[in-house]
C-alpha cells in the first residue's frame, strides 16, 4: 500500500511540475505578444504621421512626386505587414515580412528627408518641423519597444529550449519567436548631420 502512495505522489509531483513549465511558457509567450503590441502602437503612430508629412511637403516638392509616392507606398506595405504580424507575432514569416517592409519604409523616409533638405522653404515650415520632431520622437519609442520585444523573445526562446521545458514546449506546439533585426545595409549607413 505504501508503494502505491509513493507512485501516486511521484505522478502528482511530475504532473505539477509539467503544469508549472507549461504555465511559464504561456506567460512568456504572452509577454512576447504584449511586447509586440507596444511596437505596433508606435508603428501605427508613425504610419499616421507619414501622410501628414507628405501632404505638407507636396506643395514644396512638386517635382519630387516619385519620392512622395514611394514613401506612401512603403508606408502602406509596412502597415499591411504589421497587421499580418499583429495577428501572430510568433510567426517567423510574418515577422520577417514586417522587418523587410519596415526597412523599405526607413529607406524611403531617408530619401524623402534628404530631398527635403534641398527645399529651404519646406525646412522653415513650422508644420513640417513639428511633424519631423514627432516622427523622430516616435522612432525613439519604436527603438525602445523593439528592445523590449527582443528581450521578451530571448527569455521565451531560452525557456522553450531548456531541458525539460523543451519537452513540454515541443509537445504543446510552442514555436520559437523571431527576434526583430534590422537590415544591416540600412541600419549601418552613416547618419547625415547638417547644422544649417
N, C-alpha and C. Protein backbone atom coordinates (compact mmCIF):
# COMPACT_ATOMS: atom_id res chain seq x y z
N UNK A 1 0.80 -1.19 0.00
CA UNK A 1 0.00 0.00 0.00
C UNK A 1 0.85 1.26 0.00
N UNK A 2 1.95 1.27 0.77
CA UNK A 2 2.80 2.45 0.85
C UNK A 2 3.51 2.72 -0.48
N UNK A 3 3.83 1.68 -1.24
CA UNK A 3 4.46 1.90 -2.55
C UNK A 3 3.49 2.53 -3.54
N UNK A 4 2.21 2.24 -3.40
CA UNK A 4 1.19 2.85 -4.25
C UNK A 4 1.13 4.35 -3.98
N UNK A 5 1.19 4.74 -2.72
CA UNK A 5 1.17 6.16 -2.36
C UNK A 5 2.42 6.88 -2.87
N UNK A 6 3.53 6.20 -2.84
CA UNK A 6 4.77 6.80 -3.35
C UNK A 6 4.66 7.04 -4.85
N UNK A 7 4.13 6.07 -5.58
CA UNK A 7 3.95 6.21 -7.04
C UNK A 7 2.96 7.34 -7.32
N UNK A 8 1.87 7.38 -6.57
CA UNK A 8 0.88 8.45 -6.75
C UNK A 8 1.51 9.81 -6.46
N UNK A 9 2.29 9.89 -5.40
CA UNK A 9 2.96 11.15 -5.05
C UNK A 9 3.93 11.59 -6.14
N UNK A 10 4.67 10.63 -6.70
CA UNK A 10 5.62 10.96 -7.78
C UNK A 10 4.86 11.45 -9.01
N UNK A 11 3.78 10.79 -9.35
CA UNK A 11 2.97 11.20 -10.51
C UNK A 11 2.39 12.59 -10.29
N UNK A 12 1.89 12.86 -9.09
CA UNK A 12 1.32 14.18 -8.78
C UNK A 12 2.40 15.26 -8.86
N UNK A 13 3.58 14.98 -8.33
CA UNK A 13 4.68 15.95 -8.38
C UNK A 13 5.10 16.21 -9.82
N UNK A 14 5.23 15.15 -10.62
CA UNK A 14 5.60 15.32 -12.04
C UNK A 14 4.53 16.09 -12.80
N UNK A 15 3.27 15.77 -12.56
CA UNK A 15 2.17 16.49 -13.22
C UNK A 15 2.20 17.97 -12.83
N UNK A 16 2.42 18.23 -11.54
CA UNK A 16 2.51 19.62 -11.08
C UNK A 16 3.68 20.34 -11.73
N UNK A 17 4.79 19.65 -11.85
CA UNK A 17 5.98 20.25 -12.49
C UNK A 17 5.70 20.58 -13.96
N UNK A 18 5.01 19.67 -14.66
CA UNK A 18 4.66 19.92 -16.06
C UNK A 18 3.71 21.10 -16.19
N UNK A 19 2.79 21.23 -15.27
CA UNK A 19 1.86 22.37 -15.28
C UNK A 19 2.63 23.68 -15.07
N UNK A 20 3.58 23.67 -14.15
CA UNK A 20 4.40 24.87 -13.90
C UNK A 20 5.19 25.25 -15.16
N UNK A 21 5.78 24.26 -15.81
CA UNK A 21 6.53 24.53 -17.05
C UNK A 21 5.60 25.09 -18.11
N UNK A 22 4.46 24.45 -18.31
CA UNK A 22 3.51 24.88 -19.33
C UNK A 22 3.05 26.32 -19.05
N UNK A 23 2.68 26.59 -17.81
CA UNK A 23 2.22 27.94 -17.46
C UNK A 23 3.33 28.98 -17.64
N UNK A 24 4.56 28.60 -17.35
CA UNK A 24 5.68 29.51 -17.57
C UNK A 24 5.87 29.84 -19.04
N UNK A 25 5.73 28.83 -19.89
CA UNK A 25 5.84 29.06 -21.34
C UNK A 25 4.70 29.95 -21.84
N UNK A 26 3.50 29.70 -21.34
CA UNK A 26 2.35 30.52 -21.73
C UNK A 26 2.58 31.98 -21.32
N UNK A 27 3.06 32.19 -20.10
CA UNK A 27 3.32 33.55 -19.62
C UNK A 27 4.35 34.26 -20.48
N UNK A 28 5.43 33.56 -20.82
CA UNK A 28 6.48 34.18 -21.65
C UNK A 28 5.99 34.44 -23.07
N UNK A 29 5.20 33.52 -23.62
CA UNK A 29 4.64 33.73 -24.96
C UNK A 29 3.74 34.96 -24.96
N UNK A 30 2.96 35.14 -23.90
CA UNK A 30 2.10 36.31 -23.81
C UNK A 30 2.89 37.60 -23.62
N UNK A 31 4.03 37.52 -22.96
CA UNK A 31 4.91 38.70 -22.85
C UNK A 31 5.45 39.09 -24.22
N UNK A 32 5.77 38.10 -25.04
CA UNK A 32 6.23 38.38 -26.40
C UNK A 32 5.12 39.10 -27.17
N UNK A 33 3.89 38.59 -27.06
CA UNK A 33 2.76 39.23 -27.75
C UNK A 33 2.54 40.65 -27.24
N UNK A 34 2.64 40.84 -25.94
CA UNK A 34 2.48 42.18 -25.37
C UNK A 34 3.58 43.12 -25.84
N UNK A 35 4.81 42.62 -25.86
CA UNK A 35 5.92 43.45 -26.31
C UNK A 35 5.73 43.84 -27.77
N UNK A 36 5.23 42.92 -28.59
CA UNK A 36 4.96 43.27 -29.99
C UNK A 36 3.85 44.31 -30.06
N UNK A 37 2.86 44.20 -29.20
CA UNK A 37 1.78 45.19 -29.19
C UNK A 37 2.31 46.59 -28.93
N UNK A 38 3.34 46.70 -28.09
CA UNK A 38 3.94 48.01 -27.83
C UNK A 38 4.62 48.56 -29.09
N UNK A 39 5.27 47.68 -29.84
CA UNK A 39 5.86 48.10 -31.12
C UNK A 39 4.75 48.54 -32.05
N UNK A 40 3.70 47.75 -32.10
CA UNK A 40 2.59 48.02 -33.02
C UNK A 40 1.96 49.39 -32.77
N UNK A 41 1.82 49.76 -31.50
CA UNK A 41 1.27 51.07 -31.16
C UNK A 41 2.14 52.18 -31.75
N UNK A 42 3.45 52.05 -31.59
CA UNK A 42 4.35 53.08 -32.10
C UNK A 42 4.42 53.08 -33.62
N UNK A 43 4.37 51.88 -34.22
CA UNK A 43 4.36 51.82 -35.69
C UNK A 43 3.11 52.49 -36.23
N UNK A 44 1.97 52.27 -35.59
CA UNK A 44 0.73 52.91 -36.05
C UNK A 44 0.84 54.42 -35.93
N UNK A 45 1.47 54.89 -34.87
CA UNK A 45 1.69 56.34 -34.71
C UNK A 45 2.52 56.87 -35.87
N UNK A 46 3.57 56.11 -36.23
CA UNK A 46 4.41 56.52 -37.35
C UNK A 46 3.60 56.51 -38.66
N UNK A 47 2.83 55.44 -38.87
CA UNK A 47 2.02 55.34 -40.10
C UNK A 47 1.04 56.50 -40.20
N UNK A 48 0.51 56.94 -39.06
CA UNK A 48 -0.43 58.06 -39.07
C UNK A 48 0.25 59.40 -39.35
N UNK A 49 1.51 59.55 -38.95
CA UNK A 49 2.24 60.80 -39.17
C UNK A 49 2.70 60.97 -40.61
N UNK A 50 3.01 59.88 -41.27
CA UNK A 50 3.62 59.95 -42.61
C UNK A 50 2.73 60.65 -43.62
N UNK A 51 1.43 60.34 -43.73
CA UNK A 51 0.61 61.08 -44.72
C UNK A 51 0.59 62.59 -44.46
N UNK A 52 0.56 63.00 -43.20
CA UNK A 52 0.59 64.44 -42.89
C UNK A 52 1.91 65.06 -43.33
N UNK A 53 2.99 64.34 -43.12
CA UNK A 53 4.31 64.80 -43.53
C UNK A 53 4.37 64.98 -45.05
N UNK A 54 3.89 63.98 -45.76
CA UNK A 54 3.91 64.03 -47.22
C UNK A 54 3.00 65.14 -47.74
N UNK A 55 1.83 65.30 -47.16
CA UNK A 55 0.91 66.36 -47.59
C UNK A 55 1.53 67.74 -47.38
N UNK A 56 2.22 67.92 -46.27
CA UNK A 56 2.89 69.20 -46.00
C UNK A 56 3.97 69.46 -47.05
N UNK A 57 4.69 68.42 -47.44
CA UNK A 57 5.80 68.58 -48.38
C UNK A 57 5.34 68.71 -49.82
N UNK A 58 4.16 68.23 -50.15
CA UNK A 58 3.69 68.23 -51.55
C UNK A 58 3.74 69.61 -52.20
N UNK A 59 3.31 70.60 -51.48
CA UNK A 59 3.27 71.95 -52.06
C UNK A 59 4.67 72.44 -52.43
N UNK A 60 5.67 72.03 -51.69
CA UNK A 60 7.04 72.49 -51.91
C UNK A 60 7.79 71.58 -52.88
N UNK A 61 7.48 70.30 -52.85
CA UNK A 61 8.26 69.31 -53.60
C UNK A 61 7.46 68.76 -54.79
N UNK A 62 6.92 69.66 -55.58
CA UNK A 62 6.07 69.22 -56.70
C UNK A 62 6.85 68.39 -57.71
N UNK A 63 8.14 68.60 -57.83
CA UNK A 63 8.95 67.88 -58.82
C UNK A 63 9.45 66.54 -58.27
N UNK A 64 9.13 66.23 -57.05
CA UNK A 64 9.61 65.01 -56.41
C UNK A 64 8.47 64.03 -56.15
N UNK A 65 7.50 64.01 -57.05
CA UNK A 65 6.31 63.18 -56.87
C UNK A 65 6.66 61.70 -56.68
N UNK A 66 7.68 61.20 -57.41
CA UNK A 66 8.05 59.79 -57.29
C UNK A 66 8.48 59.45 -55.86
N UNK A 67 9.25 60.33 -55.26
CA UNK A 67 9.71 60.09 -53.89
C UNK A 67 8.53 60.12 -52.92
N UNK A 68 7.64 61.08 -53.10
CA UNK A 68 6.47 61.17 -52.22
C UNK A 68 5.60 59.92 -52.34
N UNK A 69 5.39 59.47 -53.57
CA UNK A 69 4.58 58.27 -53.78
C UNK A 69 5.27 57.03 -53.23
N UNK A 70 6.60 56.97 -53.33
CA UNK A 70 7.35 55.83 -52.79
C UNK A 70 7.21 55.76 -51.27
N UNK A 71 7.20 56.91 -50.61
CA UNK A 71 7.04 56.94 -49.16
C UNK A 71 5.66 56.41 -48.77
N UNK A 72 4.63 56.89 -49.46
CA UNK A 72 3.27 56.45 -49.15
C UNK A 72 3.10 54.96 -49.45
N UNK A 73 3.65 54.49 -50.57
CA UNK A 73 3.55 53.08 -50.91
C UNK A 73 4.28 52.21 -49.87
N UNK A 74 5.46 52.64 -49.47
CA UNK A 74 6.22 51.89 -48.45
C UNK A 74 5.47 51.90 -47.13
N UNK A 75 4.85 53.00 -46.79
CA UNK A 75 4.06 53.09 -45.55
C UNK A 75 2.89 52.12 -45.60
N UNK A 76 2.18 52.06 -46.72
CA UNK A 76 1.04 51.16 -46.85
C UNK A 76 1.46 49.70 -46.77
N UNK A 77 2.58 49.36 -47.40
CA UNK A 77 3.07 47.98 -47.35
C UNK A 77 3.50 47.61 -45.92
N UNK A 78 4.16 48.53 -45.24
CA UNK A 78 4.59 48.26 -43.87
C UNK A 78 3.37 48.11 -42.95
N UNK A 79 2.38 48.94 -43.16
CA UNK A 79 1.16 48.87 -42.34
C UNK A 79 0.44 47.54 -42.57
N UNK A 80 0.39 47.09 -43.80
CA UNK A 80 -0.23 45.80 -44.12
C UNK A 80 0.55 44.65 -43.48
N UNK A 81 1.87 44.71 -43.56
CA UNK A 81 2.71 43.67 -42.95
C UNK A 81 2.56 43.68 -41.43
N UNK A 82 2.38 44.86 -40.85
CA UNK A 82 2.20 44.96 -39.39
C UNK A 82 0.90 44.30 -38.97
N UNK A 83 -0.15 44.45 -39.77
CA UNK A 83 -1.43 43.80 -39.45
C UNK A 83 -1.29 42.28 -39.46
N UNK A 84 -0.56 41.76 -40.45
CA UNK A 84 -0.36 40.30 -40.51
C UNK A 84 0.46 39.82 -39.31
N UNK A 85 1.48 40.57 -38.94
CA UNK A 85 2.33 40.19 -37.81
C UNK A 85 1.59 40.35 -36.48
N UNK A 86 0.70 41.32 -36.41
CA UNK A 86 -0.05 41.56 -35.18
C UNK A 86 -0.92 40.34 -34.84
N UNK A 87 -1.45 39.67 -35.85
CA UNK A 87 -2.29 38.51 -35.61
C UNK A 87 -1.51 37.38 -34.94
N UNK A 88 -0.22 37.27 -35.26
CA UNK A 88 0.61 36.22 -34.65
C UNK A 88 2.07 36.66 -34.67
N UNK A 89 2.50 37.41 -33.64
CA UNK A 89 3.89 37.88 -33.63
C UNK A 89 4.91 36.75 -33.54
N UNK A 90 4.48 35.55 -33.23
CA UNK A 90 5.39 34.42 -33.19
C UNK A 90 5.64 33.81 -34.56
N UNK A 91 4.87 34.23 -35.56
CA UNK A 91 5.01 33.69 -36.92
C UNK A 91 6.26 34.29 -37.58
N UNK A 92 7.23 33.42 -37.84
CA UNK A 92 8.52 33.87 -38.40
C UNK A 92 8.33 34.56 -39.74
N UNK A 93 7.51 34.01 -40.60
CA UNK A 93 7.30 34.59 -41.93
C UNK A 93 6.70 35.98 -41.84
N UNK A 94 5.69 36.13 -40.99
CA UNK A 94 5.04 37.44 -40.85
C UNK A 94 6.01 38.46 -40.26
N UNK A 95 6.82 38.05 -39.29
CA UNK A 95 7.77 38.98 -38.69
C UNK A 95 8.86 39.38 -39.69
N UNK A 96 9.33 38.43 -40.48
CA UNK A 96 10.34 38.76 -41.48
C UNK A 96 9.78 39.70 -42.54
N UNK A 97 8.52 39.47 -42.93
CA UNK A 97 7.88 40.38 -43.89
C UNK A 97 7.76 41.78 -43.31
N UNK A 98 7.39 41.87 -42.04
CA UNK A 98 7.28 43.18 -41.39
C UNK A 98 8.64 43.87 -41.30
N UNK A 99 9.67 43.13 -40.90
CA UNK A 99 11.00 43.73 -40.82
C UNK A 99 11.47 44.22 -42.19
N UNK A 100 11.20 43.45 -43.23
CA UNK A 100 11.57 43.87 -44.58
C UNK A 100 10.82 45.12 -45.01
N UNK A 101 9.51 45.14 -44.73
CA UNK A 101 8.70 46.31 -45.10
C UNK A 101 9.13 47.54 -44.32
N UNK A 102 9.49 47.37 -43.05
CA UNK A 102 9.96 48.50 -42.25
C UNK A 102 11.31 49.02 -42.76
N UNK A 103 12.16 48.13 -43.23
CA UNK A 103 13.44 48.56 -43.81
C UNK A 103 13.21 49.38 -45.08
N UNK A 104 12.27 48.94 -45.91
CA UNK A 104 11.94 49.69 -47.13
C UNK A 104 11.39 51.07 -46.76
N UNK A 105 10.50 51.11 -45.76
CA UNK A 105 9.94 52.38 -45.32
C UNK A 105 11.03 53.30 -44.78
N UNK A 106 11.94 52.76 -44.00
CA UNK A 106 13.04 53.56 -43.48
C UNK A 106 13.90 54.16 -44.58
N UNK A 107 14.17 53.37 -45.62
CA UNK A 107 14.94 53.87 -46.76
C UNK A 107 14.19 54.97 -47.50
N UNK A 108 12.88 54.76 -47.70
CA UNK A 108 12.07 55.76 -48.40
C UNK A 108 12.02 57.06 -47.60
N UNK A 109 11.87 56.96 -46.30
CA UNK A 109 11.87 58.17 -45.47
C UNK A 109 13.23 58.86 -45.49
N UNK A 110 14.29 58.08 -45.52
CA UNK A 110 15.63 58.66 -45.62
C UNK A 110 15.80 59.47 -46.89
N UNK A 111 15.35 58.90 -48.02
CA UNK A 111 15.42 59.63 -49.29
C UNK A 111 14.55 60.88 -49.24
N UNK A 112 13.38 60.76 -48.63
CA UNK A 112 12.46 61.89 -48.51
C UNK A 112 13.12 63.04 -47.74
N UNK A 113 13.72 62.74 -46.59
CA UNK A 113 14.33 63.79 -45.78
C UNK A 113 15.58 64.35 -46.44
N UNK A 114 16.29 63.53 -47.19
CA UNK A 114 17.45 64.03 -47.92
C UNK A 114 17.00 65.03 -48.98
N UNK A 115 15.93 64.74 -49.69
CA UNK A 115 15.40 65.67 -50.70
C UNK A 115 14.83 66.92 -50.05
N UNK A 116 14.18 66.75 -48.89
CA UNK A 116 13.59 67.90 -48.21
C UNK A 116 14.64 68.94 -47.84
N UNK A 117 15.87 68.50 -47.63
CA UNK A 117 16.96 69.42 -47.30
C UNK A 117 17.20 70.43 -48.43
N UNK A 118 16.83 70.06 -49.66
CA UNK A 118 17.05 70.94 -50.81
C UNK A 118 15.98 72.03 -50.94
N UNK A 119 14.99 72.03 -50.05
CA UNK A 119 13.89 72.99 -50.13
C UNK A 119 13.88 73.85 -48.86
N UNK A 120 14.55 75.01 -48.91
CA UNK A 120 14.66 75.85 -47.70
C UNK A 120 13.30 76.29 -47.15
N UNK A 121 12.34 76.57 -48.03
CA UNK A 121 11.02 76.98 -47.54
C UNK A 121 10.34 75.84 -46.78
N UNK A 122 10.54 74.63 -47.27
CA UNK A 122 9.96 73.47 -46.60
C UNK A 122 10.63 73.25 -45.24
N UNK A 123 11.94 73.39 -45.19
CA UNK A 123 12.66 73.23 -43.92
C UNK A 123 12.20 74.26 -42.90
N UNK A 124 11.83 75.46 -43.37
CA UNK A 124 11.41 76.54 -42.48
C UNK A 124 9.94 76.42 -42.07
N UNK A 125 9.19 75.58 -42.74
CA UNK A 125 7.77 75.42 -42.46
C UNK A 125 7.58 74.86 -41.05
N UNK A 126 6.80 75.57 -40.24
CA UNK A 126 6.59 75.18 -38.84
C UNK A 126 5.90 73.82 -38.72
N UNK A 127 4.91 73.58 -39.57
CA UNK A 127 4.19 72.30 -39.55
C UNK A 127 5.13 71.14 -39.88
N UNK A 128 5.99 71.36 -40.87
CA UNK A 128 6.94 70.32 -41.26
C UNK A 128 7.93 70.04 -40.12
N UNK A 129 8.39 71.08 -39.47
CA UNK A 129 9.33 70.92 -38.36
C UNK A 129 8.67 70.14 -37.21
N UNK A 130 7.43 70.46 -36.93
CA UNK A 130 6.72 69.77 -35.86
C UNK A 130 6.51 68.29 -36.22
N UNK A 131 6.13 68.01 -37.46
CA UNK A 131 5.93 66.63 -37.88
C UNK A 131 7.25 65.84 -37.83
N UNK A 132 8.34 66.49 -38.24
CA UNK A 132 9.63 65.81 -38.18
C UNK A 132 10.02 65.51 -36.73
N UNK A 133 9.73 66.44 -35.84
CA UNK A 133 10.04 66.23 -34.43
C UNK A 133 9.21 65.08 -33.86
N UNK A 134 7.92 65.04 -34.21
CA UNK A 134 7.06 63.95 -33.74
C UNK A 134 7.53 62.60 -34.31
N UNK A 135 7.94 62.61 -35.55
CA UNK A 135 8.42 61.38 -36.17
C UNK A 135 9.71 60.90 -35.51
N UNK A 136 10.61 61.83 -35.22
CA UNK A 136 11.86 61.47 -34.54
C UNK A 136 11.57 60.89 -33.15
N UNK A 137 10.66 61.50 -32.44
CA UNK A 137 10.27 61.00 -31.12
C UNK A 137 9.66 59.60 -31.24
N UNK A 138 8.84 59.39 -32.25
CA UNK A 138 8.23 58.09 -32.47
C UNK A 138 9.28 57.05 -32.81
N UNK A 139 10.27 57.42 -33.61
CA UNK A 139 11.35 56.48 -33.96
C UNK A 139 12.09 56.03 -32.70
N UNK A 140 12.31 56.95 -31.76
CA UNK A 140 12.96 56.58 -30.49
C UNK A 140 12.09 55.61 -29.70
N UNK A 141 10.79 55.87 -29.67
CA UNK A 141 9.88 54.97 -28.96
C UNK A 141 9.86 53.59 -29.62
N UNK A 142 9.90 53.56 -30.94
CA UNK A 142 9.94 52.28 -31.65
C UNK A 142 11.20 51.51 -31.28
N UNK A 143 12.32 52.21 -31.22
CA UNK A 143 13.58 51.55 -30.86
C UNK A 143 13.51 50.93 -29.47
N UNK A 144 12.95 51.66 -28.50
CA UNK A 144 12.81 51.12 -27.15
C UNK A 144 11.85 49.93 -27.13
N UNK A 145 10.76 50.04 -27.87
CA UNK A 145 9.79 48.94 -27.92
C UNK A 145 10.39 47.71 -28.58
N UNK A 146 11.21 47.90 -29.60
CA UNK A 146 11.90 46.77 -30.24
C UNK A 146 12.85 46.09 -29.26
N UNK A 147 13.55 46.88 -28.47
CA UNK A 147 14.47 46.32 -27.49
C UNK A 147 13.70 45.48 -26.47
N UNK A 148 12.57 45.99 -25.98
CA UNK A 148 11.76 45.24 -25.02
C UNK A 148 11.21 43.97 -25.66
N UNK A 149 10.82 44.07 -26.92
CA UNK A 149 10.32 42.89 -27.64
C UNK A 149 11.42 41.83 -27.74
N UNK A 150 12.61 42.24 -28.15
CA UNK A 150 13.71 41.29 -28.28
C UNK A 150 14.08 40.66 -26.93
N UNK A 151 13.98 41.43 -25.85
CA UNK A 151 14.23 40.86 -24.52
C UNK A 151 13.19 39.79 -24.19
N UNK A 152 11.92 40.08 -24.49
CA UNK A 152 10.85 39.10 -24.23
C UNK A 152 11.04 37.85 -25.09
N UNK A 153 11.41 38.04 -26.36
CA UNK A 153 11.64 36.90 -27.25
C UNK A 153 12.80 36.05 -26.74
N UNK A 154 13.87 36.70 -26.29
CA UNK A 154 15.03 35.96 -25.77
C UNK A 154 14.64 35.12 -24.56
N UNK A 155 13.92 35.71 -23.62
CA UNK A 155 13.50 34.97 -22.42
C UNK A 155 12.61 33.78 -22.81
N UNK A 156 11.68 34.01 -23.71
CA UNK A 156 10.78 32.95 -24.17
C UNK A 156 11.55 31.83 -24.87
N UNK A 157 12.42 32.20 -25.80
CA UNK A 157 13.17 31.19 -26.56
C UNK A 157 14.11 30.39 -25.65
N UNK A 158 14.73 31.04 -24.67
CA UNK A 158 15.60 30.33 -23.74
C UNK A 158 14.79 29.29 -22.95
N UNK A 159 13.68 29.71 -22.41
CA UNK A 159 12.84 28.78 -21.64
C UNK A 159 12.36 27.64 -22.53
N UNK A 160 11.97 27.95 -23.74
CA UNK A 160 11.47 26.97 -24.68
C UNK A 160 12.52 25.93 -25.06
N UNK A 161 13.78 26.32 -25.06
CA UNK A 161 14.86 25.42 -25.49
C UNK A 161 15.52 24.65 -24.34
N UNK A 162 15.30 25.09 -23.10
CA UNK A 162 15.94 24.42 -21.97
C UNK A 162 15.26 23.09 -21.67
N UNK A 163 16.06 22.15 -21.19
CA UNK A 163 15.52 20.86 -20.80
C UNK A 163 15.11 20.94 -19.34
N UNK A 164 14.02 20.43 -18.92
CA UNK A 164 13.00 19.62 -19.58
C UNK A 164 11.89 20.46 -20.22
N UNK A 165 12.01 21.79 -20.13
CA UNK A 165 10.98 22.66 -20.70
C UNK A 165 10.78 22.40 -22.19
N UNK A 166 11.85 22.05 -22.89
CA UNK A 166 11.75 21.79 -24.33
C UNK A 166 10.82 20.62 -24.63
N UNK A 167 10.76 19.66 -23.75
CA UNK A 167 9.85 18.53 -23.95
C UNK A 167 8.39 19.00 -23.92
N UNK A 168 8.08 19.86 -22.97
CA UNK A 168 6.72 20.40 -22.87
C UNK A 168 6.46 21.34 -24.04
N UNK A 169 7.42 22.19 -24.37
CA UNK A 169 7.25 23.15 -25.46
C UNK A 169 6.99 22.43 -26.78
N UNK A 170 7.77 21.41 -27.08
CA UNK A 170 7.58 20.68 -28.33
C UNK A 170 6.29 19.87 -28.33
N UNK A 171 5.90 19.35 -27.19
CA UNK A 171 4.67 18.56 -27.09
C UNK A 171 3.42 19.41 -27.29
N UNK A 172 3.48 20.66 -26.85
CA UNK A 172 2.30 21.52 -26.93
C UNK A 172 2.41 22.59 -28.01
N UNK A 173 3.37 22.47 -28.91
CA UNK A 173 3.45 23.36 -30.07
C UNK A 173 3.92 24.78 -29.79
N UNK A 174 4.76 24.98 -28.80
CA UNK A 174 5.34 26.31 -28.56
C UNK A 174 6.47 26.52 -29.55
N UNK A 175 6.21 27.33 -30.56
CA UNK A 175 7.20 27.57 -31.61
C UNK A 175 8.15 28.69 -31.20
N UNK A 176 9.38 28.70 -31.76
CA UNK A 176 10.30 29.80 -31.43
C UNK A 176 9.75 31.13 -31.95
N UNK A 177 10.07 32.19 -31.24
CA UNK A 177 9.68 33.54 -31.66
C UNK A 177 10.85 34.17 -32.40
N UNK A 178 10.53 35.09 -33.29
CA UNK A 178 11.53 35.75 -34.15
C UNK A 178 12.00 37.05 -33.51
N UNK A 179 13.31 37.22 -33.41
CA UNK A 179 13.89 38.48 -32.96
C UNK A 179 13.65 39.56 -34.02
N UNK A 180 13.54 40.80 -33.59
CA UNK A 180 13.40 41.92 -34.52
C UNK A 180 14.81 42.38 -34.85
N UNK A 181 15.20 42.20 -36.10
CA UNK A 181 16.53 42.62 -36.54
C UNK A 181 16.38 43.66 -37.63
N UNK A 182 17.41 44.47 -37.76
CA UNK A 182 17.43 45.49 -38.81
C UNK A 182 18.30 45.01 -39.95
N UNK A 183 17.96 45.45 -41.14
CA UNK A 183 18.78 45.16 -42.31
C UNK A 183 20.08 45.95 -42.18
N UNK A 184 21.20 45.25 -42.16
CA UNK A 184 22.49 45.92 -41.96
C UNK A 184 22.79 46.97 -43.02
N UNK A 185 22.33 46.76 -44.25
CA UNK A 185 22.63 47.73 -45.29
C UNK A 185 21.94 49.06 -45.02
N UNK A 186 20.80 49.03 -44.32
CA UNK A 186 20.09 50.26 -43.98
C UNK A 186 20.58 50.80 -42.64
N UNK A 187 20.69 49.91 -41.66
CA UNK A 187 20.99 50.34 -40.29
C UNK A 187 22.41 50.87 -40.13
N UNK A 188 23.33 50.44 -40.94
CA UNK A 188 24.73 50.81 -40.74
C UNK A 188 25.18 51.96 -41.64
N UNK A 189 24.24 52.59 -42.31
CA UNK A 189 24.60 53.75 -43.14
C UNK A 189 24.93 54.92 -42.23
N UNK A 190 25.92 55.72 -42.63
CA UNK A 190 26.26 56.87 -41.79
C UNK A 190 25.10 57.86 -41.74
N UNK A 191 24.95 58.47 -40.59
CA UNK A 191 23.91 59.45 -40.39
C UNK A 191 24.37 60.80 -40.93
N UNK A 192 23.51 61.46 -41.70
CA UNK A 192 23.83 62.75 -42.26
C UNK A 192 23.48 63.82 -41.23
N UNK A 193 24.46 64.59 -40.83
CA UNK A 193 24.23 65.65 -39.86
C UNK A 193 24.46 66.99 -40.55
N UNK A 194 23.49 67.88 -40.38
CA UNK A 194 23.58 69.19 -41.01
C UNK A 194 23.30 70.27 -39.97
N UNK A 195 24.16 71.28 -39.92
CA UNK A 195 24.00 72.36 -38.96
C UNK A 195 23.65 73.67 -39.70
N UNK A 196 22.68 73.60 -40.61
CA UNK A 196 22.27 74.78 -41.38
C UNK A 196 21.36 75.66 -40.60
